[in-house]
Amino acid sequence: MAIYHLSVKSISRSAGRSVVAAAAYRAGQELTDERQGVTHDYTRKQGVEDAFIVAPDGADWAQDRNALWNAVEAAEKRKDAKTGREYELALPAELDAGARKELARDFARDLVERYGVVADVAIHEPGREGDNRNHHAHILTTTRTAGADGLGAKTRVLDVASTASAEIEHMRGVWARQVNTALEWHQVEQRVDHRSFERQGKEQEPTRHMGVSATAMERQAAREIPGREPVTGLGKQNAEIRERNRVLETARKAVETAQELFSSLEKRARLAVGLARKIGQRMEREREAERQRKELARQAEIRRQQDIRIAEEAQQRQLAKEIEEPTFRRPRDRGPSMRF
């Protein structure tokens, strides 16, 4: 089943983080943070399937990952500056590697076109522990626009509370549409939805975010004793939530099955009623035709009886007429009489 996930996080100096280090880790490369004079080598990191940069037209210099992120660090003077913004995406396991890469590239292009930033994309394979469907991408973007001459103004739209939530919700919708378009193009039936369960009208309860530490503890426990119960508080809470969701899903499917059965029976009943109505109408037509046939036969018999009576009356009148009229006979002519 295709899974929807998009989270947005900031890389900030106030949390003691370096955007150069973040880029090196996600891409599985060696980068040097010139501001701090520290080299971050993650070339031995496993699971990086692909890494590439999408930049605005003319900003060809940004294709150099080391130059890009050191330029970002150099452009910020504040000790609490936000130096990067990360979009973490779940890529559909139903698609092949090439399709997943193009899907991540398309979303990165949308970010570049909408905000004018540079997007550094790293596609990761599922970890050796956990869900083997967990293909995902990390898209690290600059917080400043980029052009041929370097970095420009800050993109404040994602930093201001009045606009940030709406922008993130918009991009969540964009990602959902892109995933569904890709699934449809590759003839995969599943679809994703970026809306919360509540907004979708579902009673399903969302699980709690585990975080890095709790996730690592759960994975270690699973390696030691496969199939064991969760060991962290969040892990236990999520296990309970998943069990409640399983019960709700089972109940929902049972209700759907019952509704489908009722709908089927209702449809059959409507068909039976319709058939009975048609049979009744046909029988009524046949009865009406029989009644009309008998009526015509009755009227024909009446006319025949009338014709017979008229004929008999005519015959009787003729006989009566013959009886009432006398019969006259002429005397026989004997010739002249002779007397002597």
Protein backbone atom coordinates (compact mmCIF):
# COMPACT_ATOMS: atom_id res chain seq x y z
CA MET A 1 0.00 0.00 0.00
CA ALA A 2 1.41 3.41 -1.00
CA ILE A 3 2.32 5.52 2.05
CA TYR A 4 2.15 9.31 2.24
CA HIS A 5 4.81 11.18 4.16
CA LEU A 6 6.21 14.69 3.85
CA SER A 7 7.82 16.50 6.75
CA VAL A 8 9.60 19.87 6.73
CA LYS A 9 12.42 20.72 9.15
CA SER A 10 14.91 23.54 9.50
CA ILE A 11 18.69 23.29 9.83
CA SER A 12 19.61 25.95 12.37
CA ARG A 13 22.84 27.08 14.01
CA SER A 14 20.91 27.62 17.25
CA ALA A 15 20.64 23.81 17.52
CA GLY A 16 24.38 23.46 16.92
CA ARG A 17 23.93 22.05 13.43
CA SER A 18 25.99 22.60 10.29
CA VAL A 19 24.25 22.54 6.92
CA VAL A 20 27.53 21.34 5.35
CA ALA A 21 27.50 18.32 7.66
CA ALA A 22 23.82 17.68 6.92
CA ALA A 23 24.45 17.75 3.16
CA ALA A 24 27.47 15.44 3.46
CA TYR A 25 25.53 12.91 5.54
CA ARG A 26 22.51 12.81 3.23
CA ALA A 27 24.55 12.57 0.03
CA GLY A 28 27.07 10.11 1.50
CA GLN A 29 30.03 12.33 0.53
CA GLU A 30 32.99 14.13 2.07
CA LEU A 31 32.47 17.87 2.50
CA THR A 32 34.57 20.43 4.39
CA ASP A 33 32.90 23.14 6.47
CA GLU A 34 35.23 26.06 5.78
CA ARG A 35 33.64 28.24 8.46
CA GLN A 36 34.38 25.73 11.21
CA GLY A 37 37.38 24.12 9.56
CA VAL A 38 35.84 20.64 9.95
CA THR A 39 35.71 17.89 7.33
CA HIS A 40 32.64 15.63 7.39
CA ASP A 41 33.33 12.30 5.70
CA TYR A 42 30.31 10.05 5.08
CA THR A 43 31.66 8.23 2.04
CA ARG A 44 31.27 4.91 3.87
CA LYS A 45 27.61 5.54 4.55
CA GLN A 46 25.42 2.83 3.01
CA GLY A 47 21.95 3.12 1.54
CA VAL A 48 22.42 6.28 -0.56
CA GLU A 49 20.82 5.30 -3.86
CA ASP A 50 21.37 8.58 -5.69
CA ALA A 51 22.18 12.25 -5.07
CA PHE A 52 21.83 15.27 -7.36
CA ILE A 53 21.27 19.03 -7.26
CA VAL A 54 18.46 21.02 -8.88
CA ALA A 55 19.23 24.73 -9.23
CA PRO A 56 17.54 27.76 -10.84
CA ASP A 57 18.45 28.64 -14.41
CA GLY A 58 21.88 30.29 -14.57
CA ALA A 59 23.03 29.11 -11.13
CA ASP A 60 25.43 26.52 -12.52
CA TRP A 61 27.94 27.15 -9.72
CA ALA A 62 25.46 25.54 -7.28
CA GLN A 63 26.03 22.10 -8.87
CA ASP A 64 29.22 21.88 -6.78
CA ARG A 65 27.88 20.56 -3.47
CA ASN A 66 30.87 21.70 -1.40
CA ALA A 67 30.80 25.20 -2.93
CA LEU A 68 27.05 25.47 -2.51
CA TRP A 69 26.78 24.73 1.18
CA ASN A 70 29.89 26.67 2.13
CA ALA A 71 28.40 29.65 0.29
CA VAL A 72 25.28 29.17 2.39
CA GLU A 73 27.28 29.16 5.63
CA ALA A 74 29.24 32.24 4.52
CA ALA A 75 26.07 34.18 3.67
CA GLU A 76 24.70 33.90 7.22
CA LYS A 77 26.12 36.08 9.99
CA ARG A 78 23.73 35.37 12.86
CA LYS A 79 24.65 32.67 15.34
CA ASP A 80 21.04 31.42 15.32
CA ALA A 81 20.60 31.59 11.53
CA LYS A 82 18.57 29.04 9.63
CA THR A 83 20.97 27.73 7.01
CA GLY A 84 18.84 25.07 5.35
CA ARG A 85 15.40 23.55 5.08
CA GLU A 86 14.84 19.83 4.70
CA TYR A 87 11.89 18.09 3.04
CA GLU A 88 11.69 14.40 3.88
CA LEU A 89 9.56 12.39 1.44
CA ALA A 90 8.31 8.81 1.40
CA LEU A 91 8.78 7.39 -2.11
CA PRO A 92 6.27 4.72 -3.26
CA ALA A 93 7.72 1.22 -3.02
CA GLU A 94 5.34 0.29 -5.86
CA LEU A 95 7.53 2.25 -8.32
CA ASP A 96 10.96 1.23 -9.61
CA ALA A 97 14.16 3.16 -8.82
CA GLY A 98 14.01 5.25 -12.00
CA ALA A 99 10.42 6.32 -11.39
CA ARG A 100 11.16 7.17 -7.74
CA LYS A 101 14.13 9.33 -8.83
CA GLU A 102 12.03 11.26 -11.36
CA LEU A 103 9.31 11.75 -8.77
CA ALA A 104 11.80 13.25 -6.29
CA ARG A 105 13.31 15.41 -9.05
CA ASP A 106 9.87 16.74 -10.03
CA PHE A 107 9.14 17.82 -6.46
CA ALA A 108 12.58 19.44 -6.18
CA ARG A 109 11.90 21.39 -9.39
CA ASP A 110 8.63 22.66 -7.92
CA LEU A 111 10.48 23.89 -4.81
CA VAL A 112 13.11 25.61 -6.98
CA GLU A 113 10.50 27.27 -9.19
CA ARG A 114 8.26 28.36 -6.32
CA TYR A 115 10.90 29.76 -3.96
CA GLY A 116 13.94 30.36 -6.22
CA VAL A 117 16.18 28.22 -3.99
CA VAL A 118 18.66 25.41 -4.70
CA ALA A 119 17.53 21.84 -3.88
CA ASP A 120 20.04 19.10 -2.97
CA VAL A 121 18.30 15.72 -3.38
CA ALA A 122 19.47 12.47 -1.76
CA ILE A 123 17.51 9.25 -2.34
CA HIS A 124 17.91 6.59 0.35
CA GLU A 125 17.12 2.89 0.31
CA PRO A 126 15.19 1.26 3.17
CA GLY A 127 17.31 0.50 6.23
CA ARG A 128 18.40 -3.01 6.99
CA GLU A 129 16.07 -3.02 9.97
CA GLY A 130 12.46 -1.96 9.81
CA ASP A 131 10.11 -1.63 6.88
CA ASN A 132 11.77 -2.72 3.62
CA ARG A 133 9.32 -0.50 1.72
CA ASN A 134 10.79 2.65 3.30
CA HIS A 135 12.26 4.22 0.16
CA HIS A 136 12.61 7.92 0.89
CA ALA A 137 14.28 11.14 -0.21
CA HIS A 138 15.86 14.03 1.68
CA ILE A 139 15.66 17.34 -0.18
CA LEU A 140 17.86 19.96 1.45
CA THR A 141 17.17 23.50 0.18
CA THR A 142 18.82 26.83 0.75
CA THR A 143 16.95 29.47 2.71
CA ARG A 144 18.03 32.11 0.21
CA THR A 145 17.29 32.53 -3.46
CA ALA A 146 20.07 31.66 -5.90
CA GLY A 147 21.17 33.11 -9.23
CA ALA A 148 24.15 33.33 -11.53
CA ASP A 149 26.01 35.63 -9.11
CA GLY A 150 25.40 33.56 -5.99
CA LEU A 151 22.89 33.63 -3.16
CA GLY A 152 20.31 36.37 -2.80
CA ALA A 153 17.54 37.36 -0.39
CA LYS A 154 16.03 35.20 2.33
CA THR A 155 12.82 33.31 1.51
CA ARG A 156 10.79 34.60 4.45
CA VAL A 157 7.51 33.05 3.32
CA LEU A 158 8.43 29.82 5.10
CA ASP A 159 9.73 31.58 8.22
CA VAL A 160 6.73 33.77 9.01
CA ALA A 161 3.98 32.07 11.01
CA SER A 162 1.19 33.76 9.04
CA THR A 163 2.35 32.21 5.75
CA ALA A 164 4.50 29.19 6.63
CA SER A 165 1.69 26.77 7.52
CA ALA A 166 -0.26 27.59 4.37
CA GLU A 167 2.86 27.17 2.22
CA ILE A 168 3.71 23.81 3.76
CA GLU A 169 0.13 22.62 3.36
CA HIS A 170 0.25 23.70 -0.29
CA MET A 171 3.45 21.73 -0.91
CA ARG A 172 1.99 18.70 0.87
CA GLY A 173 -0.87 18.81 -1.59
CA VAL A 174 1.55 19.19 -4.50
CA TRP A 175 3.47 16.11 -3.35
CA ALA A 176 0.28 14.06 -2.98
CA ARG A 177 -0.83 14.96 -6.52
CA GLN A 178 2.59 14.13 -7.95
CA VAL A 179 2.66 10.74 -6.21
CA ASN A 180 -0.85 9.88 -7.38
CA THR A 181 -0.04 10.95 -10.94
CA ALA A 182 3.03 8.70 -10.93
CA LEU A 183 1.07 5.78 -9.48
CA GLU A 184 -1.64 6.20 -12.11
CA TRP A 185 0.93 6.49 -14.91
CA HIS A 186 2.52 3.21 -13.81
CA GLN A 187 -0.91 1.57 -13.46
CA VAL A 188 -0.77 1.19 -9.69
CA GLU A 189 -4.22 1.24 -8.09
CA GLN A 190 -3.21 2.67 -4.69
CA ARG A 191 -3.48 6.39 -3.99
CA VAL A 192 -2.23 8.66 -1.20
CA ASP A 193 -3.88 11.55 0.64
CA HIS A 194 -2.01 14.38 2.36
CA ARG A 195 -4.93 15.28 4.59
CA SER A 196 -5.15 14.18 8.20
CA PHE A 197 -7.34 11.21 9.11
CA GLU A 198 -9.81 13.63 10.69
CA ARG A 199 -10.06 15.74 7.51
CA GLN A 200 -10.50 12.56 5.48
CA GLY A 201 -13.38 11.54 7.75
CA LYS A 202 -11.50 8.48 9.04
CA GLU A 203 -11.56 7.33 12.64
CA GLN A 204 -7.99 6.04 12.43
CA GLU A 205 -5.64 7.38 15.12
CA PRO A 206 -2.21 8.67 14.02
CA THR A 207 0.88 7.18 15.63
CA ARG A 208 3.35 9.32 17.60
CA HIS A 209 6.62 10.49 16.08
CA MET A 210 9.35 8.26 17.53
CA GLY A 211 12.41 10.40 17.01
CA VAL A 212 15.98 9.25 16.44
CA SER A 213 16.77 7.98 19.95
CA ALA A 214 13.59 5.95 20.47
CA THR A 215 13.83 4.49 16.96
CA ALA A 216 17.44 3.42 17.54
CA MET A 217 16.50 1.75 20.85
CA GLU A 218 13.63 -0.14 19.23
CA ARG A 219 15.84 -1.32 16.37
CA GLN A 220 18.54 -2.48 18.81
CA ALA A 221 15.94 -4.39 20.81
CA ALA A 222 14.57 -5.98 17.63
CA ARG A 223 18.06 -7.11 16.62
CA GLU A 224 18.64 -8.71 20.00
CA ILE A 225 15.27 -10.48 20.22
CA PRO A 226 13.29 -10.45 16.94
CA GLY A 227 9.57 -10.02 17.44
CA ARG A 228 9.85 -8.77 21.03
CA GLU A 229 7.50 -6.17 22.49
CA PRO A 230 8.45 -2.45 22.24
CA VAL A 231 10.87 -1.27 24.90
CA THR A 232 10.31 2.51 24.81
CA GLY A 233 7.30 4.43 26.02
CA LEU A 234 6.62 5.84 22.55
CA GLY A 235 7.06 2.40 21.02
CA LYS A 236 4.48 0.94 23.40
CA GLN A 237 2.07 3.80 22.73
CA ASN A 238 2.41 3.31 18.98
CA ALA A 239 1.89 -0.44 19.36
CA GLU A 240 -1.34 0.25 21.26
CA ILE A 241 -2.43 2.80 18.65
CA ARG A 242 -1.73 0.34 15.82
CA GLU A 243 -3.74 -2.34 17.64
CA ARG A 244 -6.67 0.06 18.10
CA ASN A 245 -6.43 1.02 14.44
CA ARG A 246 -6.34 -2.65 13.48
CA VAL A 247 -9.54 -3.27 15.45
CA LEU A 248 -11.16 -0.20 13.89
CA GLU A 249 -10.07 -1.28 10.43
CA THR A 250 -11.44 -4.79 11.00
CA ALA A 251 -14.73 -3.30 12.18
CA ARG A 252 -14.80 -0.90 9.23
CA LYS A 253 -14.24 -3.73 6.76
CA ALA A 254 -16.96 -5.78 8.47
CA VAL A 255 -19.36 -2.84 8.16
CA GLU A 256 -18.39 -2.37 4.51
CA THR A 257 -18.95 -6.08 3.85
CA ALA A 258 -22.35 -5.90 5.54
CA GLN A 259 -23.22 -2.78 3.56
CA GLU A 260 -22.16 -4.45 0.33
CA LEU A 261 -24.25 -7.52 1.21
CA PHE A 262 -27.24 -5.35 2.11
CA SER A 263 -26.77 -3.35 -1.07
CA SER A 264 -26.64 -6.58 -3.09
CA LEU A 265 -29.77 -7.91 -1.39
CA GLU A 266 -31.50 -4.56 -1.84
CA LYS A 267 -30.56 -4.57 -5.51
CA ARG A 268 -31.87 -8.10 -5.91
CA ALA A 269 -35.08 -7.15 -4.09
CA ARG A 270 -35.54 -4.16 -6.41
CA LEU A 271 -34.99 -6.41 -9.41
CA ALA A 272 -37.50 -8.93 -8.02
CA VAL A 273 -40.07 -6.18 -7.38
CA GLY A 274 -39.49 -4.80 -10.85
CA LEU A 275 -39.85 -8.25 -12.39
CA ALA A 276 -43.03 -8.92 -10.40
CA ARG A 277 -44.40 -5.56 -11.49
CA LYS A 278 -43.66 -6.38 -15.12
CA ILE A 279 -45.25 -9.82 -14.78
CA GLY A 280 -48.30 -8.25 -13.12
CA GLN A 281 -48.57 -5.65 -15.88
CA ARG A 282 -48.28 -8.36 -18.53
CA MET A 283 -50.94 -10.48 -16.84
CA GLU A 284 -53.19 -7.44 -16.57
CA ARG A 285 -52.72 -6.75 -20.29
CA GLU A 286 -53.52 -10.37 -21.08
CA ARG A 287 -56.65 -10.25 -18.87
CA GLU A 288 -57.75 -7.03 -20.55
CA ALA A 289 -57.17 -8.56 -23.98
CA GLU A 290 -59.19 -11.63 -22.97
CA ARG A 291 -61.98 -9.44 -21.61
CA GLN A 292 -62.08 -7.46 -24.85
CA ARG A 293 -62.06 -10.69 -26.88
CA LYS A 294 -64.99 -12.05 -24.88
CA GLU A 295 -66.82 -8.73 -25.20
CA LEU A 296 -66.36 -8.76 -28.96
CA ALA A 297 -67.55 -12.37 -29.09
CA ARG A 298 -70.60 -11.48 -26.94
CA GLN A 299 -71.46 -8.53 -29.15
CA ALA A 300 -71.02 -10.70 -32.25
CA GLU A 301 -73.35 -13.32 -30.76
CA ILE A 302 -75.91 -10.62 -29.93
CA ARG A 303 -75.77 -9.34 -33.51
CA ARG A 304 -76.12 -12.89 -34.81
CA GLN A 305 -79.13 -13.53 -32.57
CA GLN A 306 -80.61 -10.24 -33.69
CA ASP A 307 -80.08 -11.16 -37.33
CA ILE A 308 -81.73 -14.55 -36.74
CA ARG A 309 -84.68 -12.92 -34.98
CA ILE A 310 -85.04 -10.34 -37.72
CA ALA A 311 -84.98 -13.09 -40.35
CA GLU A 312 -87.56 -15.17 -38.47
CA GLU A 313 -89.80 -12.14 -38.01
CA ALA A 314 -89.57 -11.37 -41.70
CA GLN A 315 -90.46 -14.96 -42.58
CA GLN A 316 -93.43 -14.90 -40.20
CA ARG A 317 -94.71 -11.68 -41.70
CA GLN A 318 -94.47 -13.15 -45.15
CA LEU A 319 -96.45 -16.23 -44.09
CA ALA A 320 -99.08 -14.12 -42.38
CA LYS A 321 -99.44 -12.01 -45.46
CA GLU A 322 -99.95 -15.03 -47.64
CA ILE A 323 -102.66 -16.35 -45.30
CA GLU A 324 -104.59 -13.11 -45.16
CA GLU A 325 -104.75 -12.58 -48.95
CA PRO A 326 -107.65 -14.76 -50.74
CA THR A 327 -106.93 -16.84 -53.78
CA PHE A 328 -109.12 -16.09 -56.86
CA ARG A 329 -109.62 -18.79 -59.63
CA ARG A 330 -110.76 -17.90 -63.14
CA PRO A 331 -113.56 -20.14 -64.59
CA ARG A 332 -112.61 -22.55 -67.33
CA ASP A 333 -113.46 -21.19 -70.76
CA ARG A 334 -115.72 -23.89 -72.42
CA GLY A 335 -116.44 -22.08 -75.63
CA PRO A 336 -119.86 -20.85 -77.07
CA SER A 337 -123.05 -22.63 -76.03
CA MET A 338 -125.20 -24.08 -78.82
CA ARG A 339 -128.87 -24.74 -78.46
CA PHE A 340 -131.19 -26.42 -80.99
